[in-house]
Amino acid sequence: MRKTETMTIGEKLAITNRAFELLHAGDKEGFDRTIRSVPMPPYLAQAAKDTIGVDFLIDGGWNLSEANAEFGDGWLVR
């Protein structure tokens, strides 16, 4: 997927289901990696930035593509 493309609800649901399959199979690392590939909604990304901090988002490897599209590149460090 190119950075400019957005995931459909169906794609997000399929990835989330796969993540929970991994979790139920005992693969916590696989779950974490997979669930973080689903774009975080912009309002949650902003709330996490404001309450938990930028490092949580950067170090956590969260997919922030939707927040970047809504708030503009560089919003995380402003």
PDB file of N, CA and C in Angstrom:
ATOM      1  N   MET A   1       0.842  -1.171   0.000  1.00  0.00           N
ATOM      2  CA  MET A   1       0.000   0.000   0.000  1.00  0.00           C
ATOM      3  C   MET A   1       0.892   1.240   0.000  1.00  0.00           C
ATOM      4  N   ARG A   2       0.601   2.164  -0.878  1.00  0.00           N
ATOM      5  CA  ARG A   2       1.325   3.432  -0.904  1.00  0.00           C
ATOM      6  C   ARG A   2       0.858   4.304   0.243  1.00  0.00           C
ATOM      7  N   LYS A   3       1.705   5.221   0.651  1.00  0.00           N
ATOM      8  CA  LYS A   3       1.397   6.080   1.785  1.00  0.00           C
ATOM      9  C   LYS A   3       0.120   6.892   1.576  1.00  0.00           C
ATOM     10  N   THR A   4      -0.158   7.262   0.344  1.00  0.00           N
ATOM     11  CA  THR A   4      -1.312   8.117   0.081  1.00  0.00           C
ATOM     12  C   THR A   4      -2.628   7.343   0.055  1.00  0.00           C
ATOM     13  N   GLU A   5      -2.575   6.028  -0.007  1.00  0.00           N
ATOM     14  CA  GLU A   5      -3.797   5.237  -0.018  1.00  0.00           C
ATOM     15  C   GLU A   5      -4.305   5.049   1.404  1.00  0.00           C
ATOM     16  N   THR A   6      -5.615   4.939   1.529  1.00  0.00           N
ATOM     17  CA  THR A   6      -6.185   4.665   2.841  1.00  0.00           C
ATOM     18  C   THR A   6      -6.733   3.245   2.856  1.00  0.00           C
ATOM     19  N   MET A   7      -6.762   2.670   4.017  1.00  0.00           N
ATOM     20  CA  MET A   7      -7.317   1.329   4.175  1.00  0.00           C
ATOM     21  C   MET A   7      -8.829   1.421   4.277  1.00  0.00           C
ATOM     22  N   THR A   8      -9.489   0.462   3.689  1.00  0.00           N
ATOM     23  CA  THR A   8     -10.938   0.381   3.839  1.00  0.00           C
ATOM     24  C   THR A   8     -11.250  -0.192   5.216  1.00  0.00           C
ATOM     25  N   ILE A   9     -12.478  -0.031   5.644  1.00  0.00           N
ATOM     26  CA  ILE A   9     -12.925  -0.623   6.902  1.00  0.00           C
ATOM     27  C   ILE A   9     -12.726  -2.139   6.849  1.00  0.00           C
ATOM     28  N   GLY A  10     -13.039  -2.743   5.710  1.00  0.00           N
ATOM     29  CA  GLY A  10     -12.865  -4.186   5.554  1.00  0.00           C
ATOM     30  C   GLY A  10     -11.424  -4.621   5.716  1.00  0.00           C
ATOM     31  N   GLU A  11     -10.498  -3.857   5.162  1.00  0.00           N
ATOM     32  CA  GLU A  11      -9.075  -4.173   5.304  1.00  0.00           C
ATOM     33  C   GLU A  11      -8.641  -4.044   6.760  1.00  0.00           C
ATOM     34  N   LYS A  12      -9.097  -2.990   7.416  1.00  0.00           N
ATOM     35  CA  LYS A  12      -8.759  -2.799   8.834  1.00  0.00           C
ATOM     36  C   LYS A  12      -9.310  -3.945   9.679  1.00  0.00           C
ATOM     37  N   LEU A  13     -10.532  -4.339   9.393  1.00  0.00           N
ATOM     38  CA  LEU A  13     -11.157  -5.436  10.132  1.00  0.00           C
ATOM     39  C   LEU A  13     -10.411  -6.745   9.900  1.00  0.00           C
ATOM     40  N   ALA A  14     -10.020  -7.022   8.674  1.00  0.00           N
ATOM     41  CA  ALA A  14      -9.292  -8.252   8.373  1.00  0.00           C
ATOM     42  C   ALA A  14      -7.956  -8.300   9.105  1.00  0.00           C
ATOM     43  N   ILE A  15      -7.240  -7.179   9.145  1.00  0.00           N
ATOM     44  CA  ILE A  15      -5.959  -7.135   9.852  1.00  0.00           C
ATOM     45  C   ILE A  15      -6.170  -7.282  11.348  1.00  0.00           C
ATOM     46  N   THR A  16      -7.193  -6.622  11.873  1.00  0.00           N
ATOM     47  CA  THR A  16      -7.493  -6.729  13.306  1.00  0.00           C
ATOM     48  C   THR A  16      -7.861  -8.163  13.673  1.00  0.00           C
ATOM     49  N   ASN A  17      -8.665  -8.810  12.839  1.00  0.00           N
ATOM     50  CA  ASN A  17      -9.013 -10.216  13.094  1.00  0.00           C
ATOM     51  C   ASN A  17      -7.777 -11.084  13.090  1.00  0.00           C
ATOM     52  N   ARG A  18      -6.870 -10.855  12.138  1.00  0.00           N
ATOM     53  CA  ARG A  18      -5.626 -11.629  12.076  1.00  0.00           C
ATOM     54  C   ARG A  18      -4.790 -11.400  13.339  1.00  0.00           C
ATOM     55  N   ALA A  19      -4.761 -10.163  13.803  1.00  0.00           N
ATOM     56  CA  ALA A  19      -4.016  -9.851  15.022  1.00  0.00           C
ATOM     57  C   ALA A  19      -4.554 -10.648  16.202  1.00  0.00           C
ATOM     58  N   PHE A  20      -5.866 -10.707  16.331  1.00  0.00           N
ATOM     59  CA  PHE A  20      -6.446 -11.446  17.448  1.00  0.00           C
ATOM     60  C   PHE A  20      -6.280 -12.952  17.296  1.00  0.00           C
ATOM     61  N   GLU A  21      -6.227 -13.436  16.072  1.00  0.00           N
ATOM     62  CA  GLU A  21      -5.893 -14.851  15.856  1.00  0.00           C
ATOM     63  C   GLU A  21      -4.497 -15.143  16.392  1.00  0.00           C
ATOM     64  N   LEU A  22      -3.563 -14.246  16.119  1.00  0.00           N
ATOM     65  CA  LEU A  22      -2.195 -14.417  16.627  1.00  0.00           C
ATOM     66  C   LEU A  22      -2.169 -14.381  18.152  1.00  0.00           C
ATOM     67  N   LEU A  23      -2.915 -13.471  18.733  1.00  0.00           N
ATOM     68  CA  LEU A  23      -2.966 -13.360  20.191  1.00  0.00           C
ATOM     69  C   LEU A  23      -3.538 -14.632  20.810  1.00  0.00           C
ATOM     70  N   HIS A  24      -4.608 -15.129  20.253  1.00  0.00           N
ATOM     71  CA  HIS A  24      -5.235 -16.347  20.775  1.00  0.00           C
ATOM     72  C   HIS A  24      -4.331 -17.564  20.599  1.00  0.00           C
ATOM     73  N   ALA A  25      -3.434 -17.490  19.613  1.00  0.00           N
ATOM     74  CA  ALA A  25      -2.480 -18.579  19.394  1.00  0.00           C
ATOM     75  C   ALA A  25      -1.247 -18.421  20.285  1.00  0.00           C
ATOM     76  N   GLY A  26      -1.224 -17.366  21.090  1.00  0.00           N
ATOM     77  CA  GLY A  26      -0.117 -17.161  22.012  1.00  0.00           C
ATOM     78  C   GLY A  26       1.022 -16.322  21.463  1.00  0.00           C
ATOM     79  N   ASP A  27       0.835 -15.722  20.301  1.00  0.00           N
ATOM     80  CA  ASP A  27       1.889 -14.915  19.678  1.00  0.00           C
ATOM     81  C   ASP A  27       1.647 -13.438  19.978  1.00  0.00           C
ATOM     82  N   LYS A  28       2.045 -12.996  21.175  1.00  0.00           N
ATOM     83  CA  LYS A  28       1.842 -11.611  21.610  1.00  0.00           C
ATOM     84  C   LYS A  28       2.630 -10.642  20.738  1.00  0.00           C
ATOM     85  N   GLU A  29       3.859 -11.006  20.379  1.00  0.00           N
ATOM     86  CA  GLU A  29       4.665 -10.128  19.527  1.00  0.00           C
ATOM     87  C   GLU A  29       4.026  -9.969  18.153  1.00  0.00           C
ATOM     88  N   GLY A  30       3.522 -11.058  17.602  1.00  0.00           N
ATOM     89  CA  GLY A  30       2.830 -10.998  16.317  1.00  0.00           C
ATOM     90  C   GLY A  30       1.580 -10.136  16.401  1.00  0.00           C
ATOM     91  N   PHE A  31       0.852 -10.282  17.499  1.00  0.00           N
ATOM     92  CA  PHE A  31      -0.334  -9.450  17.729  1.00  0.00           C
ATOM     93  C   PHE A  31       0.050  -7.978  17.742  1.00  0.00           C
ATOM     94  N   ASP A  32       1.053  -7.630  18.554  1.00  0.00           N
ATOM     95  CA  ASP A  32       1.470  -6.233  18.668  1.00  0.00           C
ATOM     96  C   ASP A  32       1.884  -5.663  17.318  1.00  0.00           C
ATOM     97  N   ARG A  33       2.698  -6.394  16.597  1.00  0.00           N
ATOM     98  CA  ARG A  33       3.192  -5.948  15.294  1.00  0.00           C
ATOM     99  C   ARG A  33       2.026  -5.759  14.312  1.00  0.00           C
ATOM    100  N   THR A  34       1.109  -6.702  14.300  1.00  0.00           N
ATOM    101  CA  THR A  34       0.003  -6.667  13.354  1.00  0.00           C
ATOM    102  C   THR A  34      -0.999  -5.577  13.687  1.00  0.00           C
ATOM    103  N   ILE A  35      -1.364  -5.450  14.946  1.00  0.00           N
ATOM    104  CA  ILE A  35      -2.378  -4.460  15.331  1.00  0.00           C
ATOM    105  C   ILE A  35      -1.861  -3.041  15.111  1.00  0.00           C
ATOM    106  N   ARG A  36      -0.565  -2.845  15.256  1.00  0.00           N
ATOM    107  CA  ARG A  36       0.009  -1.513  15.056  1.00  0.00           C
ATOM    108  C   ARG A  36       0.116  -1.138  13.582  1.00  0.00           C
ATOM    109  N   SER A  37      -0.121  -2.092  12.695  1.00  0.00           N
ATOM    110  CA  SER A  37      -0.094  -1.788  11.263  1.00  0.00           C
ATOM    111  C   SER A  37      -1.404  -1.169  10.793  1.00  0.00           C
ATOM    112  N   VAL A  38      -2.452  -1.269  11.602  1.00  0.00           N
ATOM    113  CA  VAL A  38      -3.731  -0.630  11.280  1.00  0.00           C
ATOM    114  C   VAL A  38      -3.597   0.856  11.628  1.00  0.00           C
ATOM    115  N   PRO A  39      -3.960   1.750  10.701  1.00  0.00           N
ATOM    116  CA  PRO A  39      -3.820   3.180  11.003  1.00  0.00           C
ATOM    117  C   PRO A  39      -4.601   3.579  12.258  1.00  0.00           C
ATOM    118  N   MET A  40      -3.916   4.296  13.137  1.00  0.00           N
ATOM    119  CA  MET A  40      -4.572   4.823  14.333  1.00  0.00           C
ATOM    120  C   MET A  40      -5.457   6.000  13.904  1.00  0.00           C
ATOM    121  N   PRO A  41      -6.706   6.026  14.346  1.00  0.00           N
ATOM    122  CA  PRO A  41      -7.564   7.162  13.994  1.00  0.00           C
ATOM    123  C   PRO A  41      -6.926   8.473  14.458  1.00  0.00           C
ATOM    124  N   PRO A  42      -7.050   9.518  13.670  1.00  0.00           N
ATOM    125  CA  PRO A  42      -6.412  10.787  14.024  1.00  0.00           C
ATOM    126  C   PRO A  42      -6.756  11.308  15.415  1.00  0.00           C
ATOM    127  N   TYR A  43      -8.022  11.180  15.822  1.00  0.00           N
ATOM    128  CA  TYR A  43      -8.389  11.699  17.144  1.00  0.00           C
ATOM    129  C   TYR A  43      -7.694  10.930  18.262  1.00  0.00           C
ATOM    130  N   LEU A  44      -7.467   9.625  18.071  1.00  0.00           N
ATOM    131  CA  LEU A  44      -6.739   8.843  19.072  1.00  0.00           C
ATOM    132  C   LEU A  44      -5.255   9.180  19.059  1.00  0.00           C
ATOM    133  N   ALA A  45      -4.707   9.380  17.869  1.00  0.00           N
ATOM    134  CA  ALA A  45      -3.293   9.753  17.767  1.00  0.00           C
ATOM    135  C   ALA A  45      -3.046  11.081  18.482  1.00  0.00           C
ATOM    136  N   GLN A  46      -3.928  12.049  18.272  1.00  0.00           N
ATOM    137  CA  GLN A  46      -3.777  13.345  18.937  1.00  0.00           C
ATOM    138  C   GLN A  46      -3.921  13.203  20.445  1.00  0.00           C
ATOM    139  N   ALA A  47      -4.890  12.418  20.885  1.00  0.00           N
ATOM    140  CA  ALA A  47      -5.081  12.206  22.327  1.00  0.00           C
ATOM    141  C   ALA A  47      -3.871  11.513  22.931  1.00  0.00           C
ATOM    142  N   ALA A  48      -3.312  10.516  22.238  1.00  0.00           N
ATOM    143  CA  ALA A  48      -2.125   9.827  22.743  1.00  0.00           C
ATOM    144  C   ALA A  48      -0.943  10.780  22.811  1.00  0.00           C
ATOM    145  N   LYS A  49      -0.782  11.605  21.792  1.00  0.00           N
ATOM    146  CA  LYS A  49       0.302  12.592  21.794  1.00  0.00           C
ATOM    147  C   LYS A  49       0.166  13.525  22.996  1.00  0.00           C
ATOM    148  N   ASP A  50      -1.046  14.008  23.238  1.00  0.00           N
ATOM    149  CA  ASP A  50      -1.281  14.969  24.313  1.00  0.00           C
ATOM    150  C   ASP A  50      -1.170  14.360  25.705  1.00  0.00           C
ATOM    151  N   THR A  51      -1.563  13.101  25.866  1.00  0.00           N
ATOM    152  CA  THR A  51      -1.613  12.513  27.208  1.00  0.00           C
ATOM    153  C   THR A  51      -0.454  11.576  27.531  1.00  0.00           C
ATOM    154  N   ILE A  52      -0.010  10.817  26.537  1.00  0.00           N
ATOM    155  CA  ILE A  52       1.056   9.837  26.785  1.00  0.00           C
ATOM    156  C   ILE A  52       2.401  10.357  26.299  1.00  0.00           C
ATOM    157  N   GLY A  53       2.374  11.070  25.193  1.00  0.00           N
ATOM    158  CA  GLY A  53       3.585  11.680  24.678  1.00  0.00           C
ATOM    159  C   GLY A  53       3.988  11.158  23.307  1.00  0.00           C
ATOM    160  N   VAL A  54       4.785  11.955  22.646  1.00  0.00           N
ATOM    161  CA  VAL A  54       5.259  11.663  21.299  1.00  0.00           C
ATOM    162  C   VAL A  54       6.069  10.375  21.258  1.00  0.00           C
ATOM    163  N   ASP A  55       6.897  10.147  22.261  1.00  0.00           N
ATOM    164  CA  ASP A  55       7.753   8.954  22.267  1.00  0.00           C
ATOM    165  C   ASP A  55       6.941   7.669  22.202  1.00  0.00           C
ATOM    166  N   PHE A  56       5.793   7.645  22.853  1.00  0.00           N
ATOM    167  CA  PHE A  56       4.924   6.463  22.801  1.00  0.00           C
ATOM    168  C   PHE A  56       4.548   6.139  21.366  1.00  0.00           C
ATOM    169  N   LEU A  57       4.209   7.148  20.597  1.00  0.00           N
ATOM    170  CA  LEU A  57       3.792   6.941  19.220  1.00  0.00           C
ATOM    171  C   LEU A  57       4.974   6.586  18.321  1.00  0.00           C
ATOM    172  N   ILE A  58       6.070   7.290  18.484  1.00  0.00           N
ATOM    173  CA  ILE A  58       7.239   7.036  17.637  1.00  0.00           C
ATOM    174  C   ILE A  58       7.872   5.691  17.974  1.00  0.00           C
ATOM    175  N   ASP A  59       8.174   5.475  19.231  1.00  0.00           N
ATOM    176  CA  ASP A  59       8.849   4.239  19.646  1.00  0.00           C
ATOM    177  C   ASP A  59       7.961   3.014  19.477  1.00  0.00           C
ATOM    178  N   GLY A  60       6.641   3.214  19.541  1.00  0.00           N
ATOM    179  CA  GLY A  60       5.715   2.098  19.443  1.00  0.00           C
ATOM    180  C   GLY A  60       5.500   1.582  18.037  1.00  0.00           C
ATOM    181  N   GLY A  61       5.942   2.327  17.048  1.00  0.00           N
ATOM    182  CA  GLY A  61       5.777   1.882  15.673  1.00  0.00           C
ATOM    183  C   GLY A  61       4.344   1.913  15.175  1.00  0.00           C
ATOM    184  N   TRP A  62       3.532   2.784  15.741  1.00  0.00           N
ATOM    185  CA  TRP A  62       2.128   2.896  15.339  1.00  0.00           C
ATOM    186  C   TRP A  62       2.021   3.430  13.923  1.00  0.00           C
ATOM    187  N   ASN A  63       1.010   2.994  13.197  1.00  0.00           N
ATOM    188  CA  ASN A  63       0.734   3.497  11.862  1.00  0.00           C
ATOM    189  C   ASN A  63      -0.038   4.809  12.028  1.00  0.00           C
ATOM    190  N   LEU A  64       0.600   5.907  11.706  1.00  0.00           N
ATOM    191  CA  LEU A  64       0.005   7.227  11.887  1.00  0.00           C
ATOM    192  C   LEU A  64      -0.361   7.869  10.554  1.00  0.00           C
ATOM    193  N   SER A  65      -0.537   7.054   9.528  1.00  0.00           N
ATOM    194  CA  SER A  65      -0.796   7.583   8.187  1.00  0.00           C
ATOM    195  C   SER A  65      -2.063   8.433   8.122  1.00  0.00           C
ATOM    196  N   GLU A  66      -3.117   8.037   8.815  1.00  0.00           N
ATOM    197  CA  GLU A  66      -4.357   8.820   8.775  1.00  0.00           C
ATOM    198  C   GLU A  66      -4.201  10.142   9.524  1.00  0.00           C
ATOM    199  N   ALA A  67      -3.470  10.132  10.624  1.00  0.00           N
ATOM    200  CA  ALA A  67      -3.215  11.373  11.361  1.00  0.00           C
ATOM    201  C   ALA A  67      -2.331  12.298  10.534  1.00  0.00           C
ATOM    202  N   ASN A  68      -1.317  11.738   9.863  1.00  0.00           N
ATOM    203  CA  ASN A  68      -0.469  12.557   9.003  1.00  0.00           C
ATOM    204  C   ASN A  68      -1.279  13.184   7.879  1.00  0.00           C
ATOM    205  N   ALA A  69      -2.194  12.422   7.305  1.00  0.00           N
ATOM    206  CA  ALA A  69      -3.028  12.942   6.224  1.00  0.00           C
ATOM    207  C   ALA A  69      -3.953  14.054   6.729  1.00  0.00           C
ATOM    208  N   GLU A  70      -4.478  13.888   7.933  1.00  0.00           N
ATOM    209  CA  GLU A  70      -5.417  14.885   8.462  1.00  0.00           C
ATOM    210  C   GLU A  70      -4.717  16.121   9.011  1.00  0.00           C
ATOM    211  N   PHE A  71      -3.620  15.914   9.749  1.00  0.00           N
ATOM    212  CA  PHE A  71      -2.961  17.022  10.435  1.00  0.00           C
ATOM    213  C   PHE A  71      -1.758  17.576   9.685  1.00  0.00           C
ATOM    214  N   GLY A  72      -1.293  16.861   8.668  1.00  0.00           N
ATOM    215  CA  GLY A  72      -0.123  17.292   7.904  1.00  0.00           C
ATOM    216  C   GLY A  72       1.149  16.663   8.439  1.00  0.00           C
ATOM    217  N   ASP A  73       2.085  16.438   7.528  1.00  0.00           N
ATOM    218  CA  ASP A  73       3.371  15.886   7.944  1.00  0.00           C
ATOM    219  C   ASP A  73       4.011  16.802   8.972  1.00  0.00           C
ATOM    220  N   GLY A  74       4.610  16.234   9.966  1.00  0.00           N
ATOM    221  CA  GLY A  74       5.263  16.999  11.011  1.00  0.00           C
ATOM    222  C   GLY A  74       4.382  17.359  12.192  1.00  0.00           C
ATOM    223  N   TRP A  75       3.098  16.988  12.147  1.00  0.00           N
ATOM    224  CA  TRP A  75       2.192  17.343  13.247  1.00  0.00           C
ATOM    225  C   TRP A  75       2.658  16.743  14.569  1.00  0.00           C
ATOM    226  N   LEU A  76       3.316  15.613  14.493  1.00  0.00           N
ATOM    227  CA  LEU A  76       3.699  14.904  15.714  1.00  0.00           C
ATOM    228  C   LEU A  76       4.735  15.678  16.523  1.00  0.00           C
ATOM    229  N   VAL A  77       5.583  16.407  15.857  1.00  0.00           N
ATOM    230  CA  VAL A  77       6.651  17.122  16.566  1.00  0.00           C
ATOM    231  C   VAL A  77       6.356  18.608  16.737  1.00  0.00           C
ATOM    232  N   ARG A  78       5.191  19.035  16.323  1.00  0.00           N
ATOM    233  CA  ARG A  78       4.814  20.449  16.533  1.00  0.00           C
ATOM    234  C   ARG A  78       4.197  20.636  17.888  1.00  0.00           C
TER     235      ARG A  78
END
